[in-house]
C-alpha atoms as a PDB file:
ATOM      1  CA  UNK A   1    -140.889  91.511-150.253  1.00  0.00           C
ATOM      2  CA  UNK A   2    -141.107  91.115-154.070  1.00  0.00           C
ATOM      3  CA  UNK A   3    -138.758  92.684-156.627  1.00  0.00           C
ATOM      4  CA  UNK A   4    -141.036  95.662-157.240  1.00  0.00           C
ATOM      5  CA  UNK A   5    -141.210  96.462-153.544  1.00  0.00           C
ATOM      6  CA  UNK A   6    -137.439  96.086-153.187  1.00  0.00           C
ATOM      7  CA  UNK A   7    -136.864  98.585-155.985  1.00  0.00           C
ATOM      8  CA  UNK A   8    -139.375 100.992-154.441  1.00  0.00           C
ATOM      9  CA  UNK A   9    -137.476 101.177-151.155  1.00  0.00           C
ATOM     10  CA  UNK A  10    -133.955 101.152-152.606  1.00  0.00           C
ATOM     11  CA  UNK A  11    -131.660 103.633-150.879  1.00  0.00           C
ATOM     12  CA  UNK A  12    -132.066 105.086-147.389  1.00  0.00           C
ATOM     13  CA  UNK A  13    -135.536 104.392-146.029  1.00  0.00           C
ATOM     14  CA  UNK A  14    -135.375 107.359-143.665  1.00  0.00           C
ATOM     15  CA  UNK A  15    -133.140 110.362-143.024  1.00  0.00           C
ATOM     16  CA  UNK A  16    -133.889 110.020-139.328  1.00  0.00           C
ATOM     17  CA  UNK A  17    -132.144 107.601-137.020  1.00  0.00           C
ATOM     18  CA  UNK A  18    -134.091 104.872-135.258  1.00  0.00           C
ATOM     19  CA  UNK A  19    -133.974 106.818-131.998  1.00  0.00           C
ATOM     20  CA  UNK A  20    -135.202 109.971-133.755  1.00  0.00           C
ATOM     21  CA  UNK A  21    -138.092 108.094-135.333  1.00  0.00           C
ATOM     22  CA  UNK A  22    -139.113 106.688-131.964  1.00  0.00           C
ATOM     23  CA  UNK A  23    -138.920 110.140-130.416  1.00  0.00           C
ATOM     24  CA  UNK A  24    -140.982 111.628-133.259  1.00  0.00           C
ATOM     25  CA  UNK A  25    -143.864 109.237-132.665  1.00  0.00           C
ATOM     26  CA  UNK A  26    -143.511 109.411-128.895  1.00  0.00           C
ATOM     27  CA  UNK A  27    -144.179 113.149-129.124  1.00  0.00           C
ATOM     28  CA  UNK A  28    -147.061 112.778-131.578  1.00  0.00           C
ATOM     29  CA  UNK A  29    -148.618 110.199-129.275  1.00  0.00           C
ATOM     30  CA  UNK A  30    -148.167 112.413-126.228  1.00  0.00           C
ATOM     31  CA  UNK A  31    -149.893 115.277-128.066  1.00  0.00           C
ATOM     32  CA  UNK A  32    -152.742 113.041-129.297  1.00  0.00           C
ATOM     33  CA  UNK A  33    -152.937 109.683-127.459  1.00  0.00           C
ATOM     34  CA  UNK A  34    -155.954 108.334-129.360  1.00  0.00           C
ATOM     35  CA  UNK A  35    -155.992 109.712-132.923  1.00  0.00           C
ATOM     36  CA  UNK A  36    -158.774 108.783-135.299  1.00  0.00           C
ATOM     37  CA  UNK A  37    -160.397 109.812-138.559  1.00  0.00           C
ATOM     38  CA  UNK A  38    -162.410 113.028-138.756  1.00  0.00           C
ATOM     39  CA  UNK A  39    -164.957 111.324-141.000  1.00  0.00           C
ATOM     40  CA  UNK A  40    -168.163 110.582-139.124  1.00  0.00           C
ATOM     41  CA  UNK A  41    -169.361 106.982-139.356  1.00  0.00           C
ATOM     42  CA  UNK A  42    -170.825 104.172-137.249  1.00  0.00           C
ATOM     43  CA  UNK A  43    -170.167 101.042-139.303  1.00  0.00           C
ATOM     44  CA  UNK A  44    -167.485  99.810-141.723  1.00  0.00           C
ATOM     45  CA  UNK A  45    -169.942 100.316-144.585  1.00  0.00           C
ATOM     46  CA  UNK A  46    -170.553 103.939-143.629  1.00  0.00           C
ATOM     47  CA  UNK A  47    -166.800 104.483-143.382  1.00  0.00           C
ATOM     48  CA  UNK A  48    -166.311 102.918-146.814  1.00  0.00           C
ATOM     49  CA  UNK A  49    -168.899 105.240-148.356  1.00  0.00           C
ATOM     50  CA  UNK A  50    -167.413 108.259-146.595  1.00  0.00           C
ATOM     51  CA  UNK A  51    -163.888 107.438-147.779  1.00  0.00           C
ATOM     52  CA  UNK A  52    -165.059 106.997-151.376  1.00  0.00           C
ATOM     53  CA  UNK A  53    -166.729 110.409-151.143  1.00  0.00           C
ATOM     54  CA  UNK A  54    -163.652 112.019-149.569  1.00  0.00           C
ATOM     55  CA  UNK A  55    -161.472 111.803-152.690  1.00  0.00           C
ATOM     56  CA  UNK A  56    -160.637 115.403-153.659  1.00  0.00           C
ATOM     57  CA  UNK A  57    -163.046 116.642-150.973  1.00  0.00           C
ATOM     58  CA  UNK A  58    -162.693 117.743-147.363  1.00  0.00           C
ATOM     59  CA  UNK A  59    -163.823 115.575-144.467  1.00  0.00           C
ATOM     60  CA  UNK A  60    -166.052 118.435-143.341  1.00  0.00           C
ATOM     61  CA  UNK A  61    -167.919 118.532-146.657  1.00  0.00           C
ATOM     62  CA  UNK A  62    -168.326 114.750-146.610  1.00  0.00           C
ATOM     63  CA  UNK A  63    -169.702 114.834-143.067  1.00  0.00           C
ATOM     64  CA  UNK A  64    -172.259 117.457-144.060  1.00  0.00           C
ATOM     65  CA  UNK A  65    -173.457 115.260-146.927  1.00  0.00           C
ATOM     66  CA  UNK A  66    -173.507 111.968-145.033  1.00  0.00           C
ATOM     67  CA  UNK A  67    -175.284 113.326-141.947  1.00  0.00           C
ATOM     68  CA  UNK A  68    -178.636 112.976-143.711  1.00  0.00           C
ATOM     69  CA  UNK A  69    -177.600 110.201-146.105  1.00  0.00           C
ATOM     70  CA  UNK A  70    -176.667 107.802-143.296  1.00  0.00           C
ATOM     71  CA  UNK A  71    -179.955 108.429-141.522  1.00  0.00           C
ATOM     72  CA  UNK A  72    -181.829 106.804-144.397  1.00  0.00           C
ATOM     73  CA  UNK A  73    -179.202 104.524-146.014  1.00  0.00           C
ATOM     74  CA  UNK A  74    -176.968 102.795-143.479  1.00  0.00           C
ATOM     75  CA  UNK A  75    -176.605  99.479-145.322  1.00  0.00           C
ATOM     76  CA  UNK A  76    -175.773  98.400-148.889  1.00  0.00           C
ATOM     77  CA  UNK A  77    -179.375  97.280-149.356  1.00  0.00           C
ATOM     78  CA  UNK A  78    -180.739 100.656-148.220  1.00  0.00           C
ATOM     79  CA  UNK A  79    -178.254 102.458-150.457  1.00  0.00           C
ATOM     80  CA  UNK A  80    -179.425 100.424-153.443  1.00  0.00           C
ATOM     81  CA  UNK A  81    -183.046 101.185-152.581  1.00  0.00           C
ATOM     82  CA  UNK A  82    -182.207 104.889-152.632  1.00  0.00           C
ATOM     83  CA  UNK A  83    -181.163 104.609-156.272  1.00  0.00           C
ATOM     84  CA  UNK A  84    -178.841 106.740-158.355  1.00  0.00           C
ATOM     85  CA  UNK A  85    -181.027 109.827-158.436  1.00  0.00           C
ATOM     86  CA  UNK A  86    -181.754 109.664-154.715  1.00  0.00           C
ATOM     87  CA  UNK A  87    -178.090 109.189-153.825  1.00  0.00           C
ATOM     88  CA  UNK A  88    -176.963 112.054-156.051  1.00  0.00           C
ATOM     89  CA  UNK A  89    -179.436 114.347-154.345  1.00  0.00           C
ATOM     90  CA  UNK A  90    -177.613 113.818-151.051  1.00  0.00           C
ATOM     91  CA  UNK A  91    -174.036 114.120-152.325  1.00  0.00           C
ATOM     92  CA  UNK A  92    -174.319 116.718-155.103  1.00  0.00           C
ATOM     93  CA  UNK A  93    -172.337 119.231-153.026  1.00  0.00           C
ATOM     94  CA  UNK A  94    -169.266 116.980-153.273  1.00  0.00           C
ATOM     95  CA  UNK A  95    -166.894 117.067-156.228  1.00  0.00           C
ATOM     96  CA  UNK A  96    -167.108 114.235-158.773  1.00  0.00           C
ATOM     97  CA  UNK A  97    -170.427 113.197-157.240  1.00  0.00           C
ATOM     98  CA  UNK A  98    -171.701 111.546-160.427  1.00  0.00           C
ATOM     99  CA  UNK A  99    -168.804 109.077-160.577  1.00  0.00           C
ATOM    100  CA  UNK A 100    -168.798 108.581-156.819  1.00  0.00           C
ATOM    101  CA  UNK A 101    -172.546 107.860-156.741  1.00  0.00           C
ATOM    102  CA  UNK A 102    -172.194 105.241-159.479  1.00  0.00           C
ATOM    103  CA  UNK A 103    -169.290 103.552-157.674  1.00  0.00           C
ATOM    104  CA  UNK A 104    -171.082 103.554-154.321  1.00  0.00           C
ATOM    105  CA  UNK A 105    -174.094 101.816-155.839  1.00  0.00           C
ATOM    106  CA  UNK A 106    -171.936  99.293-157.713  1.00  0.00           C
ATOM    107  CA  UNK A 107    -170.012  98.555-154.538  1.00  0.00           C
ATOM    108  CA  UNK A 108    -173.249  98.271-152.553  1.00  0.00           C
ATOM    109  CA  UNK A 109    -174.517  95.662-155.005  1.00  0.00           C
ATOM    110  CA  UNK A 110    -171.311  93.624-154.705  1.00  0.00           C
ATOM    111  CA  UNK A 111    -171.501  93.788-150.910  1.00  0.00           C
ATOM    112  CA  UNK A 112    -175.166  92.764-150.904  1.00  0.00           C
ATOM    113  CA  UNK A 113    -174.718  89.952-153.441  1.00  0.00           C
ATOM    114  CA  UNK A 114    -171.365  88.477-152.352  1.00  0.00           C
ATOM    115  CA  UNK A 115    -170.765  89.453-148.736  1.00  0.00           C
ATOM    116  CA  UNK A 116    -174.229  89.471-147.114  1.00  0.00           C
ATOM    117  CA  UNK A 117    -173.990  93.246-146.792  1.00  0.00           C
ATOM    118  CA  UNK A 118    -170.705  93.178-144.866  1.00  0.00           C
ATOM    119  CA  UNK A 119    -167.471  94.943-145.822  1.00  0.00           C
ATOM    120  CA  UNK A 120    -164.721  92.386-146.589  1.00  0.00           C
ATOM    121  CA  UNK A 121    -161.600  92.395-144.435  1.00  0.00           C
ATOM    122  CA  UNK A 122    -158.847  91.622-146.951  1.00  0.00           C
ATOM    123  CA  UNK A 123    -156.970  94.042-149.187  1.00  0.00           C
ATOM    124  CA  UNK A 124    -157.612  91.984-152.303  1.00  0.00           C
ATOM    125  CA  UNK A 125    -161.372  91.920-151.772  1.00  0.00           C
ATOM    126  CA  UNK A 126    -161.509  95.613-150.891  1.00  0.00           C
ATOM    127  CA  UNK A 127    -159.491  96.708-153.917  1.00  0.00           C
ATOM    128  CA  UNK A 128    -161.795  94.678-156.165  1.00  0.00           C
ATOM    129  CA  UNK A 129    -164.739  96.895-155.171  1.00  0.00           C
ATOM    130  CA  UNK A 130    -165.711  99.684-157.613  1.00  0.00           C
ATOM    131  CA  UNK A 131    -164.202 103.008-156.589  1.00  0.00           C
ATOM    132  CA  UNK A 132    -161.830 101.435-154.058  1.00  0.00           C
ATOM    133  CA  UNK A 133    -158.087 101.700-154.610  1.00  0.00           C
ATOM    134  CA  UNK A 134    -155.103 100.947-152.421  1.00  0.00           C
ATOM    135  CA  UNK A 135    -155.411 104.138-150.359  1.00  0.00           C
ATOM    136  CA  UNK A 136    -159.096 103.567-149.578  1.00  0.00           C
ATOM    137  CA  UNK A 137    -158.415  99.922-148.735  1.00  0.00           C
ATOM    138  CA  UNK A 138    -155.659 100.992-146.343  1.00  0.00           C
ATOM    139  CA  UNK A 139    -158.010 103.408-144.578  1.00  0.00           C
ATOM    140  CA  UNK A 140    -160.663 100.720-144.118  1.00  0.00           C
ATOM    141  CA  UNK A 141    -158.164  98.106-142.933  1.00  0.00           C
ATOM    142  CA  UNK A 142    -156.658 100.537-140.438  1.00  0.00           C
ATOM    143  CA  UNK A 143    -159.653 102.488-139.167  1.00  0.00           C
ATOM    144  CA  UNK A 144    -162.431  99.908-139.349  1.00  0.00           C
ATOM    145  CA  UNK A 145    -160.464  96.721-138.685  1.00  0.00           C
ATOM    146  CA  UNK A 146    -157.455  97.869-136.653  1.00  0.00           C
ATOM    147  CA  UNK A 147    -154.690  96.774-139.004  1.00  0.00           C
ATOM    148  CA  UNK A 148    -151.321  98.554-139.104  1.00  0.00           C
ATOM    149  CA  UNK A 149    -151.658 100.034-142.577  1.00  0.00           C
ATOM    150  CA  UNK A 150    -150.826 103.558-143.722  1.00  0.00           C
ATOM    151  CA  UNK A 151    -152.870 105.302-146.416  1.00  0.00           C
ATOM    152  CA  UNK A 152    -150.601 107.893-147.997  1.00  0.00           C
ATOM    153  CA  UNK A 153    -152.571 110.978-149.007  1.00  0.00           C
ATOM    154  CA  UNK A 154    -151.203 114.436-149.868  1.00  0.00           C
ATOM    155  CA  UNK A 155    -150.760 115.305-146.168  1.00  0.00           C
ATOM    156  CA  UNK A 156    -148.809 112.168-145.279  1.00  0.00           C
ATOM    157  CA  UNK A 157    -146.762 112.384-148.477  1.00  0.00           C
ATOM    158  CA  UNK A 158    -145.787 115.955-147.558  1.00  0.00           C
ATOM    159  CA  UNK A 159    -144.934 115.169-143.937  1.00  0.00           C
ATOM    160  CA  UNK A 160    -142.940 112.056-144.823  1.00  0.00           C
ATOM    161  CA  UNK A 161    -140.832 114.005-147.315  1.00  0.00           C
ATOM    162  CA  UNK A 162    -140.439 117.263-145.384  1.00  0.00           C
ATOM    163  CA  UNK A 163    -139.430 115.686-142.103  1.00  0.00           C
ATOM    164  CA  UNK A 164    -137.172 113.099-143.714  1.00  0.00           C
ATOM    165  CA  UNK A 165    -139.134 110.339-141.989  1.00  0.00           C
ATOM    166  CA  UNK A 166    -139.735 108.417-145.239  1.00  0.00           C
ATOM    167  CA  UNK A 167    -138.815 110.465-148.322  1.00  0.00           C
ATOM    168  CA  UNK A 168    -139.987 109.180-151.681  1.00  0.00           C
ATOM    169  CA  UNK A 169    -140.880 110.263-155.179  1.00  0.00           C
ATOM    170  CA  UNK A 170    -144.323 108.712-155.346  1.00  0.00           C
ATOM    171  CA  UNK A 171    -147.069 107.530-153.030  1.00  0.00           C
ATOM    172  CA  UNK A 172    -146.285 103.805-153.051  1.00  0.00           C
ATOM    173  CA  UNK A 173    -142.608 104.439-152.416  1.00  0.00           C
ATOM    174  CA  UNK A 174    -143.473 106.586-149.391  1.00  0.00           C
ATOM    175  CA  UNK A 175    -145.925 103.952-148.119  1.00  0.00           C
ATOM    176  CA  UNK A 176    -143.338 101.174-148.378  1.00  0.00           C
ATOM    177  CA  UNK A 177    -140.719 103.289-146.638  1.00  0.00           C
ATOM    178  CA  UNK A 178    -143.097 104.312-143.858  1.00  0.00           C
ATOM    179  CA  UNK A 179    -143.901 100.662-143.164  1.00  0.00           C
ATOM    180  CA  UNK A 180    -140.181 100.147-142.550  1.00  0.00           C
ATOM    181  CA  UNK A 181    -139.422 103.455-140.841  1.00  0.00           C
ATOM    182  CA  UNK A 182    -142.281 103.641-138.333  1.00  0.00           C
ATOM    183  CA  UNK A 183    -141.353 101.761-135.129  1.00  0.00           C
ATOM    184  CA  UNK A 184    -143.642  98.775-134.658  1.00  0.00           C
ATOM    185  CA  UNK A 185    -145.354 100.011-131.443  1.00  0.00           C
ATOM    186  CA  UNK A 186    -146.560 103.098-133.322  1.00  0.00           C
ATOM    187  CA  UNK A 187    -147.706 101.576-136.614  1.00  0.00           C
ATOM    188  CA  UNK A 188    -151.345 101.093-135.602  1.00  0.00           C
ATOM    189  CA  UNK A 189    -151.947 104.855-135.261  1.00  0.00           C
ATOM    190  CA  UNK A 190    -149.177 106.260-137.474  1.00  0.00           C
ATOM    191  CA  UNK A 191    -151.648 106.918-140.288  1.00  0.00           C
ATOM    192  CA  UNK A 192    -153.752 109.288-138.211  1.00  0.00           C
ATOM    193  CA  UNK A 193    -150.868 110.960-136.397  1.00  0.00           C
ATOM    194  CA  UNK A 194    -149.223 111.841-139.701  1.00  0.00           C
ATOM    195  CA  UNK A 195    -152.355 112.936-141.545  1.00  0.00           C
ATOM    196  CA  UNK A 196    -153.476 115.188-138.681  1.00  0.00           C
ATOM    197  CA  UNK A 197    -149.982 116.649-138.357  1.00  0.00           C
ATOM    198  CA  UNK A 198    -150.025 117.471-142.070  1.00  0.00           C
ATOM    199  CA  UNK A 199    -153.556 118.838-141.970  1.00  0.00           C
ATOM    200  CA  UNK A 200    -153.111 121.201-139.034  1.00  0.00           C
ATOM    201  CA  UNK A 201    -149.400 121.815-138.433  1.00  0.00           C
ATOM    202  CA  UNK A 202    -147.227 120.889-141.406  1.00  0.00           C
ATOM    203  CA  UNK A 203    -149.557 122.609-143.856  1.00  0.00           C
ATOM    204  CA  UNK A 204    -148.827 122.889-147.563  1.00  0.00           C
ATOM    205  CA  UNK A 205    -148.145 126.581-148.136  1.00  0.00           C
ATOM    206  CA  UNK A 206    -146.697 127.751-144.831  1.00  0.00           C
ATOM    207  CA  UNK A 207    -146.105 125.167-142.085  1.00  0.00           C
ATOM    208  CA  UNK A 208    -146.913 126.185-138.509  1.00  0.00           C
ATOM    209  CA  UNK A 209    -143.442 125.435-137.223  1.00  0.00           C
ATOM    210  CA  UNK A 210    -143.992 127.616-134.175  1.00  0.00           C
ATOM    211  CA  UNK A 211    -146.301 124.984-132.699  1.00  0.00           C
ATOM    212  CA  UNK A 212    -144.657 121.853-134.102  1.00  0.00           C
ATOM    213  CA  UNK A 213    -143.830 119.228-131.470  1.00  0.00           C
ATOM    214  CA  UNK A 214    -141.221 117.577-133.716  1.00  0.00           C
ATOM    215  CA  UNK A 215    -139.536 120.793-134.899  1.00  0.00           C
ATOM    216  CA  UNK A 216    -136.011 119.867-133.806  1.00  0.00           C
ATOM    217  CA  UNK A 217    -136.237 116.424-135.431  1.00  0.00           C
ATOM    218  CA  UNK A 218    -137.516 117.714-138.778  1.00  0.00           C
ATOM    219  CA  UNK A 219    -135.131 117.842-141.757  1.00  0.00           C
ATOM    220  CA  UNK A 220    -137.191 120.349-143.776  1.00  0.00           C
ATOM    221  CA  UNK A 221    -134.796 122.959-145.149  1.00  0.00           C
ATOM    222  CA  UNK A 222    -137.399 125.724-145.376  1.00  0.00           C
ATOM    223  CA  UNK A 223    -138.968 125.315-141.952  1.00  0.00           C
ATOM    224  CA  UNK A 224    -139.895 128.553-140.240  1.00  0.00           C
ATOM    225  CA  UNK A 225    -137.656 129.586-137.373  1.00  0.00           C
ATOM    226  CA  UNK A 226    -139.277 129.501-133.953  1.00  0.00           C
END
């Protein structure tokens, strides 16, 4: 771990004990043994496009847009053939679609020219693609390629801080702490367990504590009494 990473995880990594962390994920696994993304895709390239589109948009809205898009443009080459105007026509219902369309086409060209149309499997190569940052790279590495990465979005950031699992002031700090706090047997699916818990149970305005399977483990001071 380099000096930057050491500073990011200075202090207690988790407010929960090791046994509490194991119990937390044991319960999440029991409630959802095989969690996965709610984005609809068939190939790593389709997932990459969907994740780029999902920034500041719901998975449901992305799925509506890609249902037709992926019928006619399932590869980088087909996406390039569609062109900027054609791509925008399919994704104009999604926020920031102009920027996203430009990045998707730029990324498609890189994939076609450098990687024979395939999505690369390393973080460095993924993050070098237009429109792809650390969070998107983590999603692709985890969901498409089965690596034990965690992409910290607003849901995971909220859950990590509320529960005390991996409190932090910023996204990278929370990610680094989660990678230490999550017991190794649960790291492969931790990303999806936490994001789904934040999306449907530990919601932003009023958490649904009455149906929370980790209620007694949670350190959130304002949790609703059962």
